[in-house]
């Protein structure tokens, strides 16, 4: 399931991702992100991950393909989760993100409000 979070406004969108994600859901959200890019050109994304996500290779492929195509349209990416591994991965990736103009930051779930404030700055 992917659902839009309250607090999304303007060029900033927050989503929560949990459970099983199928290609239809992925494509629906890709369409929503594309509409935001069409309207604002550059967007900020906050993603809350619960750690119990199940998706196929087709979903992962579409997600990565969209992400690489639209790196130039992303300003900030906040990942919110309890995963220490994701925290390390975001920290390791953030210097590369900066090279293409994307600021990335990981927040623990108890800092969701901080994540919103950061992504909207």
N, C-alpha and C. Protein backbone atom coordinates (compact mmCIF):
# COMPACT_ATOMS: atom_id res chain seq x y z
N UNK A 1 0.84 -1.18 0.00
CA UNK A 1 0.00 0.00 0.00
C UNK A 1 0.89 1.24 0.00
N UNK A 2 0.51 2.19 -0.78
CA UNK A 2 1.15 3.50 -0.78
C UNK A 2 0.03 4.51 -0.54
N UNK A 3 0.23 5.36 0.46
CA UNK A 3 -0.80 6.37 0.72
C UNK A 3 -0.14 7.73 0.93
N UNK A 4 -0.86 8.75 0.49
CA UNK A 4 -0.41 10.13 0.66
C UNK A 4 -0.60 10.54 2.10
N UNK A 5 0.39 11.22 2.64
CA UNK A 5 0.35 11.65 4.04
C UNK A 5 -0.23 13.06 4.18
N UNK A 6 -0.97 13.27 5.28
CA UNK A 6 -1.38 14.64 5.58
C UNK A 6 -0.10 15.47 5.78
N UNK A 7 -0.15 16.69 5.39
CA UNK A 7 1.04 17.54 5.46
C UNK A 7 1.64 17.77 4.09
N UNK A 8 1.21 16.97 3.12
CA UNK A 8 1.65 17.18 1.74
C UNK A 8 1.01 18.46 1.24
N UNK A 9 1.84 19.31 0.62
CA UNK A 9 1.31 20.56 0.09
C UNK A 9 2.26 21.12 -0.96
N UNK A 10 1.69 21.74 -1.94
CA UNK A 10 2.49 22.35 -2.99
C UNK A 10 3.43 21.34 -3.63
N UNK A 11 4.70 21.71 -3.71
CA UNK A 11 5.71 20.87 -4.36
C UNK A 11 6.28 19.81 -3.42
N UNK A 12 5.72 19.68 -2.23
CA UNK A 12 6.20 18.69 -1.26
C UNK A 12 5.13 17.64 -1.03
N UNK A 13 5.53 16.38 -1.21
CA UNK A 13 4.60 15.27 -1.00
C UNK A 13 5.22 14.26 -0.05
N UNK A 14 4.39 13.75 0.83
CA UNK A 14 4.81 12.69 1.73
C UNK A 14 3.98 11.46 1.46
N UNK A 15 4.64 10.31 1.45
CA UNK A 15 3.93 9.05 1.25
C UNK A 15 4.38 8.05 2.31
N UNK A 16 3.47 7.13 2.62
CA UNK A 16 3.80 6.01 3.49
C UNK A 16 3.73 4.76 2.64
N UNK A 17 4.76 3.94 2.72
CA UNK A 17 4.83 2.71 1.94
C UNK A 17 4.88 1.54 2.90
N UNK A 18 3.94 0.61 2.74
CA UNK A 18 3.91 -0.57 3.61
C UNK A 18 3.21 -1.72 2.90
N UNK A 19 3.48 -2.91 3.35
CA UNK A 19 2.81 -4.09 2.80
C UNK A 19 3.20 -4.38 1.36
N UNK A 20 2.28 -4.99 0.64
CA UNK A 20 2.53 -5.40 -0.73
C UNK A 20 2.27 -4.25 -1.69
N UNK A 21 3.25 -4.02 -2.56
CA UNK A 21 3.15 -2.98 -3.59
C UNK A 21 3.13 -3.69 -4.94
N UNK A 22 2.09 -3.44 -5.74
CA UNK A 22 2.06 -4.04 -7.08
C UNK A 22 2.35 -2.98 -8.13
N UNK A 23 2.51 -3.43 -9.36
CA UNK A 23 2.88 -2.53 -10.44
C UNK A 23 1.80 -1.48 -10.70
N UNK A 24 0.54 -1.83 -10.52
CA UNK A 24 -0.55 -0.86 -10.72
C UNK A 24 -0.43 0.30 -9.73
N UNK A 25 -0.17 -0.02 -8.46
CA UNK A 25 0.01 1.03 -7.45
C UNK A 25 1.23 1.88 -7.78
N UNK A 26 2.33 1.23 -8.14
CA UNK A 26 3.56 1.96 -8.47
C UNK A 26 3.29 2.94 -9.62
N UNK A 27 2.64 2.48 -10.66
CA UNK A 27 2.37 3.34 -11.81
C UNK A 27 1.41 4.48 -11.47
N UNK A 28 0.46 4.22 -10.57
CA UNK A 28 -0.44 5.29 -10.12
C UNK A 28 0.37 6.40 -9.44
N UNK A 29 1.30 6.03 -8.57
CA UNK A 29 2.11 7.04 -7.87
C UNK A 29 3.10 7.73 -8.78
N UNK A 30 3.64 6.99 -9.73
CA UNK A 30 4.51 7.63 -10.73
C UNK A 30 3.72 8.72 -11.45
N UNK A 31 2.48 8.45 -11.79
CA UNK A 31 1.63 9.47 -12.42
C UNK A 31 1.42 10.69 -11.54
N UNK A 32 1.22 10.46 -10.25
CA UNK A 32 1.04 11.58 -9.31
C UNK A 32 2.31 12.41 -9.21
N UNK A 33 3.46 11.74 -9.11
CA UNK A 33 4.73 12.47 -9.06
C UNK A 33 4.97 13.24 -10.36
N UNK A 34 4.64 12.63 -11.48
CA UNK A 34 4.81 13.32 -12.77
C UNK A 34 3.94 14.57 -12.85
N UNK A 35 2.71 14.50 -12.32
CA UNK A 35 1.84 15.68 -12.31
C UNK A 35 2.44 16.79 -11.45
N UNK A 36 3.02 16.43 -10.30
CA UNK A 36 3.67 17.44 -9.45
C UNK A 36 4.86 18.07 -10.17
N UNK A 37 5.64 17.26 -10.86
CA UNK A 37 6.79 17.79 -11.60
C UNK A 37 6.33 18.70 -12.72
N UNK A 38 5.25 18.32 -13.39
CA UNK A 38 4.72 19.16 -14.46
C UNK A 38 4.28 20.52 -13.91
N UNK A 39 3.69 20.51 -12.71
CA UNK A 39 3.20 21.75 -12.12
C UNK A 39 4.32 22.59 -11.50
N UNK A 40 5.26 21.94 -10.79
CA UNK A 40 6.26 22.68 -10.01
C UNK A 40 7.69 22.58 -10.53
N UNK A 41 7.95 21.69 -11.45
CA UNK A 41 9.27 21.41 -12.01
C UNK A 41 10.16 20.66 -11.01
N UNK A 42 10.33 21.17 -9.81
CA UNK A 42 11.14 20.50 -8.79
C UNK A 42 10.28 20.18 -7.58
N UNK A 43 10.47 18.97 -7.04
CA UNK A 43 9.64 18.53 -5.92
C UNK A 43 10.49 18.03 -4.76
N UNK A 44 9.87 17.95 -3.60
CA UNK A 44 10.47 17.39 -2.40
C UNK A 44 9.62 16.19 -2.00
N UNK A 45 10.28 15.10 -1.59
CA UNK A 45 9.57 13.86 -1.28
C UNK A 45 9.96 13.38 0.10
N UNK A 46 8.96 13.03 0.90
CA UNK A 46 9.16 12.41 2.20
C UNK A 46 8.54 11.01 2.10
N UNK A 47 9.32 9.98 2.45
CA UNK A 47 8.86 8.60 2.36
C UNK A 47 8.98 7.95 3.73
N UNK A 48 7.85 7.48 4.25
CA UNK A 48 7.85 6.72 5.50
C UNK A 48 7.78 5.25 5.13
N UNK A 49 8.76 4.48 5.60
CA UNK A 49 8.84 3.04 5.34
C UNK A 49 8.68 2.28 6.64
N UNK A 50 7.77 1.32 6.65
CA UNK A 50 7.54 0.58 7.90
C UNK A 50 8.39 -0.67 8.05
N UNK A 51 9.16 -1.01 7.05
CA UNK A 51 10.05 -2.17 7.15
C UNK A 51 9.40 -3.48 6.75
N UNK A 52 8.12 -3.46 6.43
CA UNK A 52 7.42 -4.69 6.03
C UNK A 52 6.89 -4.53 4.61
N UNK A 53 7.77 -4.20 3.70
CA UNK A 53 7.39 -3.93 2.32
C UNK A 53 7.67 -5.17 1.47
N UNK A 54 6.74 -5.45 0.57
CA UNK A 54 6.87 -6.60 -0.32
C UNK A 54 6.55 -6.13 -1.73
N UNK A 55 7.52 -6.24 -2.63
CA UNK A 55 7.28 -5.84 -4.01
C UNK A 55 8.14 -6.71 -4.92
N UNK A 56 7.71 -6.81 -6.17
CA UNK A 56 8.43 -7.61 -7.15
C UNK A 56 9.49 -6.82 -7.88
N UNK A 57 10.26 -7.53 -8.68
CA UNK A 57 11.33 -6.90 -9.46
C UNK A 57 10.77 -5.90 -10.46
N UNK A 58 9.55 -6.14 -10.95
CA UNK A 58 8.93 -5.20 -11.89
C UNK A 58 8.68 -3.85 -11.25
N UNK A 59 8.25 -3.86 -9.99
CA UNK A 59 8.00 -2.61 -9.26
C UNK A 59 9.33 -1.91 -8.99
N UNK A 60 10.33 -2.65 -8.55
CA UNK A 60 11.64 -2.07 -8.28
C UNK A 60 12.23 -1.45 -9.54
N UNK A 61 12.09 -2.13 -10.67
CA UNK A 61 12.60 -1.62 -11.93
C UNK A 61 11.93 -0.31 -12.32
N UNK A 62 10.60 -0.26 -12.25
CA UNK A 62 9.87 0.97 -12.60
C UNK A 62 10.25 2.11 -11.67
N UNK A 63 10.40 1.82 -10.39
CA UNK A 63 10.77 2.84 -9.41
C UNK A 63 12.15 3.40 -9.72
N UNK A 64 13.12 2.53 -9.93
CA UNK A 64 14.48 2.99 -10.24
C UNK A 64 14.54 3.74 -11.56
N UNK A 65 13.83 3.24 -12.56
CA UNK A 65 13.82 3.90 -13.87
C UNK A 65 13.26 5.32 -13.73
N UNK A 66 12.15 5.46 -13.01
CA UNK A 66 11.57 6.79 -12.82
C UNK A 66 12.52 7.69 -12.03
N UNK A 67 13.10 7.14 -10.96
CA UNK A 67 13.99 7.94 -10.11
C UNK A 67 15.16 8.48 -10.90
N UNK A 68 15.85 7.63 -11.65
CA UNK A 68 17.02 8.10 -12.41
C UNK A 68 16.62 9.11 -13.48
N UNK A 69 15.46 8.93 -14.08
CA UNK A 69 15.01 9.87 -15.11
C UNK A 69 14.68 11.24 -14.52
N UNK A 70 14.25 11.27 -13.24
CA UNK A 70 13.77 12.52 -12.65
C UNK A 70 14.65 13.06 -11.52
N UNK A 71 15.88 12.62 -11.43
CA UNK A 71 16.78 13.16 -10.40
C UNK A 71 16.88 14.67 -10.49
N UNK A 72 16.87 15.19 -11.70
CA UNK A 72 16.98 16.64 -11.90
C UNK A 72 15.76 17.40 -11.38
N UNK A 73 14.68 16.68 -11.12
CA UNK A 73 13.45 17.31 -10.64
C UNK A 73 13.25 17.17 -9.14
N UNK A 74 14.21 16.58 -8.45
CA UNK A 74 14.08 16.39 -7.01
C UNK A 74 15.03 17.32 -6.27
N UNK A 75 14.48 18.05 -5.29
CA UNK A 75 15.30 18.90 -4.44
C UNK A 75 15.73 18.13 -3.19
N UNK A 76 14.75 17.62 -2.46
CA UNK A 76 15.01 16.94 -1.19
C UNK A 76 14.28 15.62 -1.14
N UNK A 77 14.93 14.66 -0.48
CA UNK A 77 14.34 13.35 -0.25
C UNK A 77 14.58 12.98 1.20
N UNK A 78 13.51 12.87 1.96
CA UNK A 78 13.59 12.46 3.36
C UNK A 78 13.06 11.03 3.46
N UNK A 79 13.88 10.15 4.03
CA UNK A 79 13.49 8.77 4.27
C UNK A 79 13.27 8.63 5.78
N UNK A 80 12.10 8.16 6.16
CA UNK A 80 11.75 8.03 7.57
C UNK A 80 11.52 6.55 7.85
N UNK A 81 12.34 5.99 8.74
CA UNK A 81 12.20 4.56 9.07
C UNK A 81 12.98 4.27 10.35
N UNK A 82 12.74 3.09 10.88
CA UNK A 82 13.50 2.62 12.04
C UNK A 82 14.72 1.80 11.63
N UNK A 83 14.94 1.63 10.35
CA UNK A 83 16.02 0.79 9.84
C UNK A 83 17.37 1.49 9.95
N UNK A 84 18.26 0.91 10.72
CA UNK A 84 19.63 1.42 10.81
C UNK A 84 20.33 1.27 9.46
N UNK A 85 20.04 0.16 8.77
CA UNK A 85 20.66 -0.08 7.46
C UNK A 85 20.26 1.02 6.48
N UNK A 86 18.98 1.37 6.43
CA UNK A 86 18.55 2.46 5.55
C UNK A 86 19.22 3.77 5.94
N UNK A 87 19.38 4.00 7.23
CA UNK A 87 20.09 5.20 7.67
C UNK A 87 21.51 5.25 7.14
N UNK A 88 22.19 4.13 7.20
CA UNK A 88 23.56 4.06 6.67
C UNK A 88 23.58 4.23 5.16
N UNK A 89 22.63 3.59 4.47
CA UNK A 89 22.58 3.70 3.02
C UNK A 89 22.32 5.13 2.56
N UNK A 90 21.40 5.81 3.24
CA UNK A 90 21.12 7.21 2.89
C UNK A 90 22.36 8.06 3.16
N UNK A 91 23.03 7.83 4.29
CA UNK A 91 24.24 8.59 4.60
C UNK A 91 25.32 8.34 3.55
N UNK A 92 25.45 7.09 3.11
CA UNK A 92 26.46 6.76 2.09
C UNK A 92 26.11 7.35 0.73
N UNK A 93 24.82 7.40 0.41
CA UNK A 93 24.38 7.88 -0.89
C UNK A 93 24.29 9.40 -0.99
N UNK A 94 24.10 10.07 0.15
CA UNK A 94 23.84 11.52 0.10
C UNK A 94 24.93 12.34 -0.60
N UNK A 95 26.23 12.00 -0.48
CA UNK A 95 27.21 12.79 -1.24
C UNK A 95 27.01 12.66 -2.76
N UNK A 96 26.60 11.48 -3.21
CA UNK A 96 26.34 11.29 -4.64
C UNK A 96 25.07 12.04 -5.05
N UNK A 97 24.09 12.03 -4.18
CA UNK A 97 22.87 12.79 -4.45
C UNK A 97 23.16 14.27 -4.63
N UNK A 98 24.02 14.79 -3.76
CA UNK A 98 24.37 16.22 -3.87
C UNK A 98 25.00 16.55 -5.21
N UNK A 99 25.75 15.60 -5.77
CA UNK A 99 26.38 15.82 -7.07
C UNK A 99 25.34 16.08 -8.17
N UNK A 100 24.15 15.52 -8.02
CA UNK A 100 23.10 15.74 -9.01
C UNK A 100 22.03 16.70 -8.49
N UNK A 101 22.29 17.34 -7.35
CA UNK A 101 21.40 18.36 -6.83
C UNK A 101 20.31 17.89 -5.89
N UNK A 102 20.40 16.66 -5.38
CA UNK A 102 19.38 16.12 -4.48
C UNK A 102 19.95 16.04 -3.06
N UNK A 103 19.27 16.68 -2.11
CA UNK A 103 19.64 16.55 -0.71
C UNK A 103 18.85 15.39 -0.12
N UNK A 104 19.55 14.48 0.55
CA UNK A 104 18.90 13.30 1.14
C UNK A 104 19.20 13.25 2.63
N UNK A 105 18.22 12.80 3.39
CA UNK A 105 18.43 12.69 4.83
C UNK A 105 17.52 11.60 5.38
N UNK A 106 18.04 10.85 6.35
CA UNK A 106 17.26 9.80 7.02
C UNK A 106 16.83 10.28 8.39
N UNK A 107 15.60 9.95 8.76
CA UNK A 107 15.05 10.28 10.07
C UNK A 107 14.43 9.03 10.67
N UNK A 108 14.53 8.89 11.97
CA UNK A 108 13.82 7.81 12.65
C UNK A 108 12.35 8.20 12.77
N UNK A 109 11.49 7.20 12.94
CA UNK A 109 10.04 7.46 12.98
C UNK A 109 9.63 8.48 14.02
N UNK A 110 10.31 8.48 15.17
CA UNK A 110 9.95 9.44 16.22
C UNK A 110 10.35 10.87 15.86
N UNK A 111 11.00 11.06 14.72
CA UNK A 111 11.39 12.40 14.26
C UNK A 111 10.66 12.79 12.97
N UNK A 112 9.46 12.23 12.79
CA UNK A 112 8.69 12.51 11.58
C UNK A 112 8.44 14.01 11.40
N UNK A 113 8.12 14.71 12.47
CA UNK A 113 7.88 16.16 12.36
C UNK A 113 9.14 16.89 11.92
N UNK A 114 10.30 16.47 12.43
CA UNK A 114 11.57 17.07 11.99
C UNK A 114 11.79 16.82 10.49
N UNK A 115 11.42 15.62 10.05
CA UNK A 115 11.57 15.30 8.62
C UNK A 115 10.70 16.22 7.76
N UNK A 116 9.45 16.44 8.21
CA UNK A 116 8.56 17.35 7.47
C UNK A 116 9.16 18.75 7.42
N UNK A 117 9.64 19.24 8.56
CA UNK A 117 10.21 20.58 8.59
C UNK A 117 11.40 20.68 7.67
N UNK A 118 12.28 19.68 7.68
CA UNK A 118 13.47 19.70 6.83
C UNK A 118 13.11 19.68 5.35
N UNK A 119 12.19 18.79 4.98
CA UNK A 119 11.87 18.62 3.56
C UNK A 119 11.13 19.85 3.01
N UNK A 120 10.46 20.62 3.89
CA UNK A 120 9.72 21.81 3.45
C UNK A 120 10.55 23.09 3.50
N UNK A 121 11.75 23.04 4.07
CA UNK A 121 12.59 24.25 4.18
C UNK A 121 12.89 24.83 2.83
